Amino acid sequence: MNALAPSHLIGPNAIIQMIKTMEEDLGVRQTIDFFIDSKLSQYISHPLVGRVHEEDVCLIHQRLIETYGIEHAKRLSWQAGEKTADYLLKNRIPKLMGLILKHLPIKMSISILLRAISNHAWTFVGSGKFSYQVFKSITIYIESNPICKGIRSSEPVCDYYAGTFEGLFKSLIDTSIEVKEVGCEAQGDLSCSFRVVWFGHAF
């Protein structure tokens, strides 16, 4: 078997936190059966160490939609994203950053945090491309999104990313911040796009 190209690997939280979420929501037995049926049993039989292949992450999201319906799958994905944000806050993001960001104007803080996220985007977008724009409104873009490749849907399905971004913004900057996916490659859009708003308004 050929070695996997690093650009097609993403951080293990994309699967670790999904497993935890599914076990809480569906139970351990049903979660195990899901991974066995999806031919991904290796992720529940051995501790995850290092990055995982993005195709496996996409397959999990696709199978969740097929097995439990899109609304249930979206809820599980969002909760897994929130858990990923919690993990990053506890293990990867210096507490000093949060103290600094909370004392700056919200738009400036979001811009600073997005710059930091962009510097580490390879850990969660794999072969995809992460970008953002900060003008009157703030929008995050992921092109060739690894978690929805091959998925076709009438509504956005990348709640994992939206939940992660919102969890980070709420904890580090302001609890009023919300992130909503407004475009999705699964719908046929050119990229997955996430609008960032606070106090109920986009600026």
N, C-alpha and C. Protein backbone atom coordinates (compact mmCIF):
# COMPACT_ATOMS: atom_id res chain seq x y z
N MET A 1 0.85 -1.19 0.00
CA MET A 1 0.00 0.00 0.00
C MET A 1 0.89 1.24 0.00
N ASN A 2 0.57 2.22 -0.83
CA ASN A 2 1.34 3.45 -0.89
C ASN A 2 1.09 4.29 0.35
N ALA A 3 2.13 4.99 0.79
CA ALA A 3 1.98 5.89 1.94
C ALA A 3 1.01 6.99 1.58
N LEU A 4 0.19 7.39 2.55
CA LEU A 4 -0.78 8.45 2.33
C LEU A 4 -0.08 9.79 2.23
N ALA A 5 -0.50 10.58 1.27
CA ALA A 5 0.07 11.92 1.14
C ALA A 5 -0.34 12.75 2.35
N PRO A 6 0.61 13.47 2.97
CA PRO A 6 0.29 14.26 4.16
C PRO A 6 -0.87 15.22 3.94
N SER A 7 -1.01 15.73 2.71
CA SER A 7 -2.06 16.70 2.44
C SER A 7 -3.46 16.09 2.52
N HIS A 8 -3.56 14.77 2.53
CA HIS A 8 -4.85 14.11 2.62
C HIS A 8 -5.11 13.57 4.03
N LEU A 9 -4.32 14.02 4.98
CA LEU A 9 -4.50 13.61 6.37
C LEU A 9 -4.97 14.79 7.20
N ILE A 10 -5.84 14.53 8.17
CA ILE A 10 -6.31 15.58 9.07
C ILE A 10 -6.22 15.08 10.52
N GLY A 11 -6.35 16.00 11.44
CA GLY A 11 -6.20 15.67 12.85
C GLY A 11 -7.22 14.64 13.32
N PRO A 12 -6.84 13.80 14.27
CA PRO A 12 -7.71 12.70 14.72
C PRO A 12 -8.97 13.16 15.45
N ASN A 13 -9.03 14.42 15.90
CA ASN A 13 -10.23 14.87 16.60
C ASN A 13 -11.48 14.76 15.73
N ALA A 14 -11.31 14.83 14.42
CA ALA A 14 -12.45 14.71 13.52
C ALA A 14 -13.17 13.37 13.71
N ILE A 15 -12.42 12.36 14.16
CA ILE A 15 -13.03 11.05 14.43
C ILE A 15 -13.19 10.81 15.93
N ILE A 16 -12.18 11.17 16.72
CA ILE A 16 -12.25 10.93 18.17
C ILE A 16 -13.48 11.58 18.77
N GLN A 17 -13.71 12.84 18.45
CA GLN A 17 -14.84 13.55 19.06
C GLN A 17 -16.18 13.09 18.49
N MET A 18 -16.17 12.60 17.25
CA MET A 18 -17.40 12.03 16.69
C MET A 18 -17.76 10.74 17.41
N ILE A 19 -16.76 9.92 17.69
CA ILE A 19 -17.02 8.67 18.42
C ILE A 19 -17.61 8.98 19.79
N LYS A 20 -17.03 9.93 20.50
CA LYS A 20 -17.54 10.31 21.83
C LYS A 20 -18.97 10.80 21.74
N THR A 21 -19.24 11.63 20.74
CA THR A 21 -20.59 12.17 20.56
C THR A 21 -21.59 11.07 20.26
N MET A 22 -21.22 10.16 19.38
CA MET A 22 -22.12 9.06 19.03
C MET A 22 -22.37 8.14 20.21
N GLU A 23 -21.33 7.88 21.00
CA GLU A 23 -21.52 7.01 22.17
C GLU A 23 -22.49 7.64 23.16
N GLU A 24 -22.42 8.95 23.33
CA GLU A 24 -23.33 9.64 24.24
C GLU A 24 -24.76 9.65 23.70
N ASP A 25 -24.89 9.80 22.39
CA ASP A 25 -26.22 9.95 21.78
C ASP A 25 -26.85 8.60 21.43
N LEU A 26 -26.05 7.70 20.90
CA LEU A 26 -26.58 6.43 20.39
C LEU A 26 -26.28 5.23 21.27
N GLY A 27 -25.28 5.37 22.13
CA GLY A 27 -24.84 4.25 22.94
C GLY A 27 -23.60 3.61 22.33
N VAL A 28 -22.84 2.94 23.18
CA VAL A 28 -21.58 2.35 22.74
C VAL A 28 -21.80 1.24 21.72
N ARG A 29 -22.78 0.36 21.97
CA ARG A 29 -23.00 -0.77 21.09
C ARG A 29 -23.39 -0.31 19.68
N GLN A 30 -24.29 0.65 19.59
CA GLN A 30 -24.73 1.13 18.28
C GLN A 30 -23.60 1.86 17.55
N THR A 31 -22.77 2.54 18.30
CA THR A 31 -21.62 3.22 17.70
C THR A 31 -20.63 2.21 17.12
N ILE A 32 -20.36 1.16 17.88
CA ILE A 32 -19.47 0.11 17.40
C ILE A 32 -20.02 -0.53 16.14
N ASP A 33 -21.31 -0.84 16.15
CA ASP A 33 -21.95 -1.45 14.97
C ASP A 33 -21.85 -0.52 13.76
N PHE A 34 -22.02 0.77 13.99
CA PHE A 34 -21.95 1.75 12.90
C PHE A 34 -20.58 1.71 12.25
N PHE A 35 -19.52 1.69 13.04
CA PHE A 35 -18.17 1.69 12.49
C PHE A 35 -17.83 0.36 11.83
N ILE A 36 -18.35 -0.73 12.36
CA ILE A 36 -18.13 -2.03 11.73
C ILE A 36 -18.83 -2.07 10.37
N ASP A 37 -20.10 -1.65 10.35
CA ASP A 37 -20.87 -1.64 9.10
C ASP A 37 -20.25 -0.70 8.06
N SER A 38 -19.59 0.35 8.53
CA SER A 38 -18.96 1.31 7.62
C SER A 38 -17.55 0.88 7.21
N LYS A 39 -17.14 -0.32 7.69
CA LYS A 39 -15.80 -0.85 7.41
C LYS A 39 -14.71 0.10 7.91
N LEU A 40 -14.96 0.66 9.07
CA LEU A 40 -14.01 1.56 9.71
C LEU A 40 -13.75 1.12 11.16
N SER A 41 -13.81 -0.17 11.39
CA SER A 41 -13.70 -0.68 12.76
C SER A 41 -12.34 -0.41 13.38
N GLN A 42 -11.33 -0.12 12.55
CA GLN A 42 -10.00 0.15 13.10
C GLN A 42 -10.01 1.36 14.03
N TYR A 43 -10.96 2.25 13.86
CA TYR A 43 -10.99 3.46 14.67
C TYR A 43 -11.59 3.24 16.06
N ILE A 44 -12.24 2.12 16.25
CA ILE A 44 -12.79 1.84 17.58
C ILE A 44 -12.06 0.70 18.27
N SER A 45 -11.17 0.03 17.55
CA SER A 45 -10.45 -1.10 18.15
C SER A 45 -9.05 -0.72 18.62
N HIS A 46 -8.55 0.46 18.17
CA HIS A 46 -7.23 0.91 18.58
C HIS A 46 -7.28 2.40 18.92
N PRO A 47 -6.52 2.83 19.91
CA PRO A 47 -6.45 4.26 20.23
C PRO A 47 -5.92 5.03 19.02
N LEU A 48 -6.55 6.17 18.73
CA LEU A 48 -6.12 6.97 17.59
C LEU A 48 -4.86 7.75 17.94
N VAL A 49 -3.84 7.56 17.13
CA VAL A 49 -2.59 8.29 17.30
C VAL A 49 -2.21 8.87 15.95
N GLY A 50 -1.96 10.15 15.88
CA GLY A 50 -1.59 10.78 14.62
C GLY A 50 -2.82 11.10 13.78
N ARG A 51 -2.55 11.64 12.60
CA ARG A 51 -3.64 12.08 11.74
C ARG A 51 -4.33 10.91 11.03
N VAL A 52 -5.53 11.19 10.53
CA VAL A 52 -6.34 10.17 9.88
C VAL A 52 -6.63 10.60 8.44
N HIS A 53 -7.01 9.65 7.61
CA HIS A 53 -7.26 9.97 6.21
C HIS A 53 -8.60 10.68 6.07
N GLU A 54 -8.60 11.75 5.30
CA GLU A 54 -9.81 12.56 5.15
C GLU A 54 -10.95 11.79 4.50
N GLU A 55 -10.64 10.79 3.67
CA GLU A 55 -11.71 10.01 3.04
C GLU A 55 -12.51 9.24 4.08
N ASP A 56 -11.86 8.79 5.14
CA ASP A 56 -12.56 8.07 6.20
C ASP A 56 -13.48 9.01 6.97
N VAL A 57 -13.01 10.24 7.19
CA VAL A 57 -13.83 11.23 7.88
C VAL A 57 -15.07 11.53 7.04
N CYS A 58 -14.88 11.71 5.75
CA CYS A 58 -16.02 11.98 4.86
C CYS A 58 -17.00 10.81 4.86
N LEU A 59 -16.47 9.59 4.85
CA LEU A 59 -17.34 8.42 4.85
C LEU A 59 -18.20 8.37 6.11
N ILE A 60 -17.64 8.75 7.25
CA ILE A 60 -18.42 8.79 8.49
C ILE A 60 -19.59 9.74 8.35
N HIS A 61 -19.34 10.93 7.83
CA HIS A 61 -20.42 11.92 7.67
C HIS A 61 -21.46 11.43 6.67
N GLN A 62 -21.00 10.84 5.59
CA GLN A 62 -21.93 10.32 4.59
C GLN A 62 -22.81 9.22 5.16
N ARG A 63 -22.19 8.30 5.89
CA ARG A 63 -22.93 7.19 6.48
C ARG A 63 -23.88 7.65 7.58
N LEU A 64 -23.50 8.70 8.32
CA LEU A 64 -24.41 9.24 9.34
C LEU A 64 -25.69 9.75 8.69
N ILE A 65 -25.55 10.46 7.58
CA ILE A 65 -26.72 10.98 6.87
C ILE A 65 -27.59 9.84 6.36
N GLU A 66 -26.94 8.83 5.76
CA GLU A 66 -27.67 7.70 5.20
C GLU A 66 -28.37 6.89 6.29
N THR A 67 -27.73 6.76 7.45
CA THR A 67 -28.24 5.88 8.51
C THR A 67 -29.26 6.57 9.40
N TYR A 68 -29.02 7.82 9.75
CA TYR A 68 -29.86 8.49 10.76
C TYR A 68 -30.64 9.69 10.24
N GLY A 69 -30.46 10.02 8.97
CA GLY A 69 -31.15 11.18 8.42
C GLY A 69 -30.32 12.44 8.61
N ILE A 70 -30.57 13.42 7.77
CA ILE A 70 -29.70 14.59 7.73
C ILE A 70 -29.76 15.43 9.01
N GLU A 71 -30.93 15.60 9.61
CA GLU A 71 -31.03 16.46 10.79
C GLU A 71 -30.29 15.85 11.98
N HIS A 72 -30.44 14.54 12.17
CA HIS A 72 -29.74 13.86 13.26
C HIS A 72 -28.24 13.90 13.00
N ALA A 73 -27.85 13.66 11.75
CA ALA A 73 -26.42 13.68 11.40
C ALA A 73 -25.82 15.05 11.64
N LYS A 74 -26.55 16.11 11.26
CA LYS A 74 -26.06 17.46 11.46
C LYS A 74 -25.89 17.77 12.95
N ARG A 75 -26.81 17.30 13.76
CA ARG A 75 -26.71 17.55 15.20
C ARG A 75 -25.50 16.84 15.79
N LEU A 76 -25.28 15.60 15.39
CA LEU A 76 -24.11 14.87 15.86
C LEU A 76 -22.82 15.56 15.42
N SER A 77 -22.80 16.03 14.18
CA SER A 77 -21.61 16.71 13.66
C SER A 77 -21.32 17.99 14.44
N TRP A 78 -22.37 18.76 14.71
CA TRP A 78 -22.19 20.01 15.46
C TRP A 78 -21.63 19.72 16.86
N GLN A 79 -22.19 18.72 17.52
CA GLN A 79 -21.74 18.40 18.87
C GLN A 79 -20.29 17.90 18.86
N ALA A 80 -19.92 17.15 17.84
CA ALA A 80 -18.53 16.71 17.71
C ALA A 80 -17.62 17.91 17.50
N GLY A 81 -18.10 18.90 16.74
CA GLY A 81 -17.34 20.13 16.56
C GLY A 81 -17.16 20.88 17.86
N GLU A 82 -18.21 20.95 18.66
CA GLU A 82 -18.09 21.61 19.97
C GLU A 82 -17.07 20.90 20.86
N LYS A 83 -17.07 19.59 20.82
CA LYS A 83 -16.10 18.83 21.61
C LYS A 83 -14.68 19.08 21.11
N THR A 84 -14.53 19.22 19.80
CA THR A 84 -13.22 19.53 19.25
C THR A 84 -12.75 20.90 19.74
N ALA A 85 -13.65 21.87 19.74
CA ALA A 85 -13.31 23.20 20.26
C ALA A 85 -12.87 23.11 21.72
N ASP A 86 -13.60 22.33 22.51
CA ASP A 86 -13.24 22.17 23.93
C ASP A 86 -11.85 21.57 24.08
N TYR A 87 -11.56 20.57 23.25
CA TYR A 87 -10.24 19.94 23.30
C TYR A 87 -9.14 20.96 22.96
N LEU A 88 -9.36 21.72 21.92
CA LEU A 88 -8.36 22.71 21.51
C LEU A 88 -8.16 23.77 22.59
N LEU A 89 -9.25 24.19 23.23
CA LEU A 89 -9.15 25.20 24.28
C LEU A 89 -8.36 24.69 25.48
N LYS A 90 -8.51 23.41 25.78
CA LYS A 90 -7.83 22.83 26.93
C LYS A 90 -6.39 22.43 26.64
N ASN A 91 -6.10 22.08 25.39
CA ASN A 91 -4.80 21.47 25.09
C ASN A 91 -3.93 22.18 24.07
N ARG A 92 -4.50 23.08 23.29
CA ARG A 92 -3.72 23.66 22.20
C ARG A 92 -3.65 25.18 22.22
N ILE A 93 -4.60 25.84 22.86
CA ILE A 93 -4.65 27.30 22.79
C ILE A 93 -4.23 27.90 24.13
N PRO A 94 -3.21 28.73 24.14
CA PRO A 94 -2.76 29.35 25.39
C PRO A 94 -3.87 30.18 26.04
N LYS A 95 -4.02 30.06 27.35
CA LYS A 95 -5.05 30.81 28.06
C LYS A 95 -4.85 32.32 27.91
N LEU A 96 -3.60 32.73 27.74
CA LEU A 96 -3.32 34.16 27.57
C LEU A 96 -4.00 34.72 26.33
N MET A 97 -4.13 33.89 25.29
CA MET A 97 -4.77 34.36 24.07
C MET A 97 -6.21 34.78 24.34
N GLY A 98 -6.93 33.97 25.11
CA GLY A 98 -8.31 34.30 25.44
C GLY A 98 -8.41 35.60 26.23
N LEU A 99 -7.49 35.80 27.15
CA LEU A 99 -7.50 37.02 27.96
C LEU A 99 -7.27 38.25 27.09
N ILE A 100 -6.39 38.11 26.12
CA ILE A 100 -6.11 39.23 25.21
C ILE A 100 -7.29 39.51 24.30
N LEU A 101 -7.82 38.45 23.69
CA LEU A 101 -8.89 38.61 22.70
C LEU A 101 -10.15 39.23 23.31
N LYS A 102 -10.44 38.89 24.55
CA LYS A 102 -11.66 39.40 25.20
C LYS A 102 -11.60 40.91 25.45
N HIS A 103 -10.39 41.50 25.39
CA HIS A 103 -10.26 42.92 25.68
C HIS A 103 -10.09 43.76 24.41
N LEU A 104 -10.23 43.13 23.26
CA LEU A 104 -10.14 43.84 21.99
C LEU A 104 -11.53 43.95 21.36
N PRO A 105 -11.73 44.87 20.42
CA PRO A 105 -12.99 44.90 19.67
C PRO A 105 -13.26 43.54 19.03
N ILE A 106 -14.52 43.13 19.02
CA ILE A 106 -14.86 41.79 18.57
C ILE A 106 -14.34 41.49 17.17
N LYS A 107 -14.55 42.42 16.25
CA LYS A 107 -14.13 42.16 14.87
C LYS A 107 -12.62 41.97 14.79
N MET A 108 -11.87 42.76 15.54
CA MET A 108 -10.42 42.62 15.56
C MET A 108 -10.01 41.27 16.16
N SER A 109 -10.68 40.87 17.23
CA SER A 109 -10.36 39.59 17.87
C SER A 109 -10.63 38.42 16.93
N ILE A 110 -11.77 38.47 16.23
CA ILE A 110 -12.10 37.40 15.29
C ILE A 110 -11.04 37.33 14.20
N SER A 111 -10.61 38.48 13.69
CA SER A 111 -9.60 38.52 12.64
C SER A 111 -8.28 37.92 13.12
N ILE A 112 -7.87 38.24 14.35
CA ILE A 112 -6.63 37.70 14.91
C ILE A 112 -6.74 36.18 15.06
N LEU A 113 -7.88 35.71 15.58
CA LEU A 113 -8.05 34.28 15.78
C LEU A 113 -8.10 33.54 14.45
N LEU A 114 -8.75 34.13 13.45
CA LEU A 114 -8.80 33.49 12.14
C LEU A 114 -7.40 33.39 11.52
N ARG A 115 -6.56 34.38 11.77
CA ARG A 115 -5.20 34.32 11.26
C ARG A 115 -4.45 33.16 11.91
N ALA A 116 -4.67 32.97 13.21
CA ALA A 116 -4.02 31.86 13.91
C ALA A 116 -4.55 30.51 13.41
N ILE A 117 -5.86 30.44 13.20
CA ILE A 117 -6.47 29.21 12.68
C ILE A 117 -5.91 28.90 11.29
N SER A 118 -5.78 29.94 10.47
CA SER A 118 -5.27 29.77 9.11
C SER A 118 -3.87 29.18 9.10
N ASN A 119 -3.07 29.56 10.08
CA ASN A 119 -1.69 29.06 10.16
C ASN A 119 -1.63 27.57 10.47
N HIS A 120 -2.72 27.03 11.01
CA HIS A 120 -2.76 25.60 11.34
C HIS A 120 -3.86 24.87 10.57
N ALA A 121 -4.31 25.47 9.48
CA ALA A 121 -5.45 24.91 8.74
C ALA A 121 -5.16 23.51 8.19
N TRP A 122 -3.88 23.22 7.91
CA TRP A 122 -3.54 21.90 7.36
C TRP A 122 -3.94 20.78 8.30
N THR A 123 -4.10 21.09 9.59
CA THR A 123 -4.44 20.04 10.55
C THR A 123 -5.91 19.62 10.47
N PHE A 124 -6.76 20.44 9.83
CA PHE A 124 -8.18 20.07 9.81
C PHE A 124 -8.83 20.14 8.43
N VAL A 125 -8.18 20.71 7.42
CA VAL A 125 -8.78 20.72 6.09
C VAL A 125 -8.08 19.76 5.12
N GLY A 126 -6.96 19.16 5.54
CA GLY A 126 -6.29 18.18 4.69
C GLY A 126 -5.94 18.75 3.33
N SER A 127 -6.49 18.14 2.27
CA SER A 127 -6.22 18.59 0.91
C SER A 127 -7.06 19.79 0.52
N GLY A 128 -7.95 20.21 1.40
CA GLY A 128 -8.79 21.38 1.12
C GLY A 128 -8.02 22.68 1.29
N LYS A 129 -8.68 23.78 1.00
CA LYS A 129 -8.07 25.10 1.10
C LYS A 129 -8.90 25.98 2.03
N PHE A 130 -8.25 26.52 3.06
CA PHE A 130 -8.90 27.39 4.05
C PHE A 130 -8.58 28.84 3.73
N SER A 131 -9.61 29.69 3.77
CA SER A 131 -9.40 31.12 3.61
C SER A 131 -10.53 31.86 4.32
N TYR A 132 -10.39 33.18 4.42
CA TYR A 132 -11.44 33.98 5.06
C TYR A 132 -11.33 35.41 4.56
N GLN A 133 -12.43 36.14 4.71
CA GLN A 133 -12.42 37.55 4.36
C GLN A 133 -13.03 38.34 5.49
N VAL A 134 -12.45 39.48 5.77
CA VAL A 134 -12.93 40.36 6.82
C VAL A 134 -13.14 41.74 6.21
N PHE A 135 -14.37 42.04 5.84
CA PHE A 135 -14.73 43.35 5.33
C PHE A 135 -15.93 43.83 6.13
N LYS A 136 -17.02 44.15 5.46
CA LYS A 136 -18.24 44.51 6.19
C LYS A 136 -18.76 43.31 6.96
N SER A 137 -18.60 42.13 6.37
CA SER A 137 -18.97 40.89 7.05
C SER A 137 -17.74 40.00 7.14
N ILE A 138 -17.83 38.96 7.96
CA ILE A 138 -16.73 38.01 8.11
C ILE A 138 -17.21 36.65 7.63
N THR A 139 -16.50 36.09 6.67
CA THR A 139 -16.87 34.80 6.11
C THR A 139 -15.64 33.90 6.03
N ILE A 140 -15.82 32.65 6.42
CA ILE A 140 -14.78 31.63 6.34
C ILE A 140 -15.10 30.72 5.16
N TYR A 141 -14.07 30.35 4.41
CA TYR A 141 -14.27 29.49 3.24
C TYR A 141 -13.40 28.23 3.35
N ILE A 142 -13.96 27.10 2.95
CA ILE A 142 -13.19 25.88 2.80
C ILE A 142 -13.50 25.32 1.42
N GLU A 143 -12.50 25.30 0.55
CA GLU A 143 -12.66 24.74 -0.79
C GLU A 143 -12.16 23.30 -0.80
N SER A 144 -12.80 22.47 -1.60
CA SER A 144 -12.49 21.03 -1.63
C SER A 144 -12.58 20.47 -0.21
N ASN A 145 -13.67 20.79 0.44
CA ASN A 145 -13.89 20.42 1.84
C ASN A 145 -13.81 18.90 2.02
N PRO A 146 -12.90 18.43 2.88
CA PRO A 146 -12.70 16.98 3.00
C PRO A 146 -13.85 16.23 3.65
N ILE A 147 -14.73 16.92 4.39
CA ILE A 147 -15.79 16.15 5.07
C ILE A 147 -17.08 16.06 4.25
N CYS A 148 -17.14 16.70 3.09
CA CYS A 148 -18.37 16.57 2.30
C CYS A 148 -18.11 16.19 0.85
N LYS A 149 -16.89 15.72 0.55
CA LYS A 149 -16.60 15.29 -0.82
C LYS A 149 -17.50 14.12 -1.21
N GLY A 150 -18.18 14.27 -2.32
CA GLY A 150 -19.04 13.20 -2.80
C GLY A 150 -20.42 13.18 -2.18
N ILE A 151 -20.67 14.00 -1.17
CA ILE A 151 -21.99 14.06 -0.55
C ILE A 151 -22.88 15.04 -1.33
N ARG A 152 -24.12 14.67 -1.56
CA ARG A 152 -25.07 15.56 -2.23
C ARG A 152 -26.22 15.81 -1.28
N SER A 153 -26.55 17.07 -1.09
CA SER A 153 -27.57 17.43 -0.11
C SER A 153 -28.29 18.70 -0.54
N SER A 154 -29.52 18.85 -0.05
CA SER A 154 -30.28 20.07 -0.33
C SER A 154 -30.00 21.16 0.69
N GLU A 155 -29.17 20.86 1.69
CA GLU A 155 -28.82 21.84 2.71
C GLU A 155 -27.38 21.63 3.16
N PRO A 156 -26.78 22.63 3.77
CA PRO A 156 -25.39 22.50 4.22
C PRO A 156 -25.23 21.34 5.20
N VAL A 157 -24.07 20.68 5.16
CA VAL A 157 -23.85 19.50 6.01
C VAL A 157 -22.56 19.58 6.83
N CYS A 158 -21.85 20.71 6.76
CA CYS A 158 -20.54 20.78 7.43
C CYS A 158 -20.64 21.39 8.82
N ASP A 159 -21.58 20.87 9.61
CA ASP A 159 -21.80 21.39 10.96
C ASP A 159 -20.62 21.12 11.88
N TYR A 160 -19.80 20.14 11.54
CA TYR A 160 -18.62 19.87 12.36
C TYR A 160 -17.72 21.10 12.42
N TYR A 161 -17.46 21.69 11.27
CA TYR A 161 -16.63 22.88 11.23
C TYR A 161 -17.32 24.07 11.88
N ALA A 162 -18.60 24.26 11.57
CA ALA A 162 -19.34 25.38 12.15
C ALA A 162 -19.35 25.30 13.68
N GLY A 163 -19.57 24.09 14.21
CA GLY A 163 -19.58 23.89 15.66
C GLY A 163 -18.23 24.15 16.29
N THR A 164 -17.16 23.75 15.57
CA THR A 164 -15.81 24.01 16.09
C THR A 164 -15.51 25.50 16.11
N PHE A 165 -15.76 26.18 14.99
CA PHE A 165 -15.48 27.62 14.92
C PHE A 165 -16.29 28.38 15.97
N GLU A 166 -17.59 28.08 16.06
CA GLU A 166 -18.43 28.81 17.01
C GLU A 166 -17.98 28.56 18.45
N GLY A 167 -17.63 27.32 18.75
CA GLY A 167 -17.17 27.01 20.10
C GLY A 167 -15.93 27.79 20.48
N LEU A 168 -15.00 27.93 19.54
CA LEU A 168 -13.78 28.70 19.80
C LEU A 168 -14.09 30.18 19.97
N PHE A 169 -14.90 30.72 19.07
CA PHE A 169 -15.21 32.16 19.13
C PHE A 169 -15.96 32.52 20.40
N LYS A 170 -16.95 31.69 20.77
CA LYS A 170 -17.73 31.98 21.97
C LYS A 170 -16.85 31.96 23.23
N SER A 171 -15.96 30.98 23.31
CA SER A 171 -15.14 30.84 24.50
C SER A 171 -14.03 31.88 24.58
N LEU A 172 -13.42 32.19 23.45
CA LEU A 172 -12.26 33.05 23.45
C LEU A 172 -12.59 34.53 23.27
N ILE A 173 -13.75 34.83 22.68
CA ILE A 173 -14.02 36.23 22.32
C ILE A 173 -15.31 36.75 22.93
N ASP A 174 -16.46 36.21 22.53
CA ASP A 174 -17.74 36.73 23.02
C ASP A 174 -18.82 35.66 22.84
N THR A 175 -19.66 35.49 23.86
CA THR A 175 -20.68 34.43 23.81
C THR A 175 -21.80 34.73 22.82
N SER A 176 -21.87 35.96 22.31
CA SER A 176 -22.92 36.29 21.34
C SER A 176 -22.58 35.82 19.93
N ILE A 177 -21.35 35.42 19.70
CA ILE A 177 -20.92 35.06 18.34
C ILE A 177 -21.58 33.76 17.89
N GLU A 178 -22.05 33.78 16.65
CA GLU A 178 -22.65 32.60 16.04
C GLU A 178 -21.99 32.36 14.68
N VAL A 179 -21.91 31.09 14.31
CA VAL A 179 -21.36 30.73 13.01
C VAL A 179 -22.39 29.88 12.27
N LYS A 180 -22.70 30.28 11.05
CA LYS A 180 -23.69 29.54 10.26
C LYS A 180 -23.13 29.25 8.88
N GLU A 181 -23.26 28.00 8.46
CA GLU A 181 -22.82 27.65 7.11
C GLU A 181 -23.86 28.17 6.11
N VAL A 182 -23.43 29.02 5.21
CA VAL A 182 -24.35 29.66 4.27
C VAL A 182 -24.17 29.15 2.84
N GLY A 183 -23.15 28.35 2.62
CA GLY A 183 -22.94 27.73 1.32
C GLY A 183 -22.21 26.42 1.53
N CYS A 184 -22.48 25.43 0.68
CA CYS A 184 -21.88 24.10 0.91
C CYS A 184 -21.63 23.42 -0.43
N GLU A 185 -20.47 22.81 -0.55
CA GLU A 185 -20.15 22.09 -1.78
C GLU A 185 -21.10 20.92 -1.99
N ALA A 186 -21.66 20.39 -0.90
CA ALA A 186 -22.63 19.30 -1.03
C ALA A 186 -23.90 19.76 -1.74
N GLN A 187 -24.14 21.08 -1.73
CA GLN A 187 -25.29 21.65 -2.44
C GLN A 187 -24.93 22.08 -3.86
N GLY A 188 -23.66 21.95 -4.21
CA GLY A 188 -23.23 22.38 -5.52
C GLY A 188 -22.53 23.73 -5.53
N ASP A 189 -22.32 24.33 -4.35
CA ASP A 189 -21.62 25.60 -4.28
C ASP A 189 -20.12 25.40 -4.54
N LEU A 190 -19.43 26.47 -4.90
CA LEU A 190 -18.01 26.39 -5.23
C LEU A 190 -17.15 26.14 -4.00
N SER A 191 -17.65 26.52 -2.83
CA SER A 191 -16.91 26.27 -1.59
C SER A 191 -17.92 26.19 -0.45
N CYS A 192 -17.46 25.70 0.68
CA CYS A 192 -18.28 25.74 1.89
C CYS A 192 -17.95 27.06 2.58
N SER A 193 -18.97 27.84 2.88
CA SER A 193 -18.74 29.16 3.46
C SER A 193 -19.53 29.30 4.75
N PHE A 194 -18.89 29.97 5.71
CA PHE A 194 -19.44 30.10 7.06
C PHE A 194 -19.47 31.57 7.45
N ARG A 195 -20.66 32.10 7.69
CA ARG A 195 -20.81 33.50 8.07
C ARG A 195 -20.70 33.63 9.59
N VAL A 196 -19.91 34.60 10.03
CA VAL A 196 -19.70 34.85 11.46
C VAL A 196 -20.48 36.11 11.83
N VAL A 197 -21.37 35.99 12.81
CA VAL A 197 -22.15 37.13 13.27
C VAL A 197 -22.07 37.25 14.79
N TRP A 198 -22.33 38.44 15.30
CA TRP A 198 -22.39 38.63 16.74
C TRP A 198 -23.44 39.67 17.06
N PHE A 199 -24.03 39.56 18.24
CA PHE A 199 -25.17 40.37 18.63
C PHE A 199 -26.28 40.28 17.60
N GLY A 200 -26.35 39.13 16.90
CA GLY A 200 -27.42 38.90 15.93
C GLY A 200 -27.24 39.59 14.61
N HIS A 201 -26.09 40.22 14.36
CA HIS A 201 -25.89 40.94 13.11
C HIS A 201 -24.55 40.58 12.50
N ALA A 202 -24.50 40.61 11.16
CA ALA A 202 -23.24 40.46 10.46
C ALA A 202 -22.69 41.84 10.19
N PHE A 203 -21.42 42.05 10.44
CA PHE A 203 -20.82 43.37 10.26
C PHE A 203 -19.77 43.35 9.16
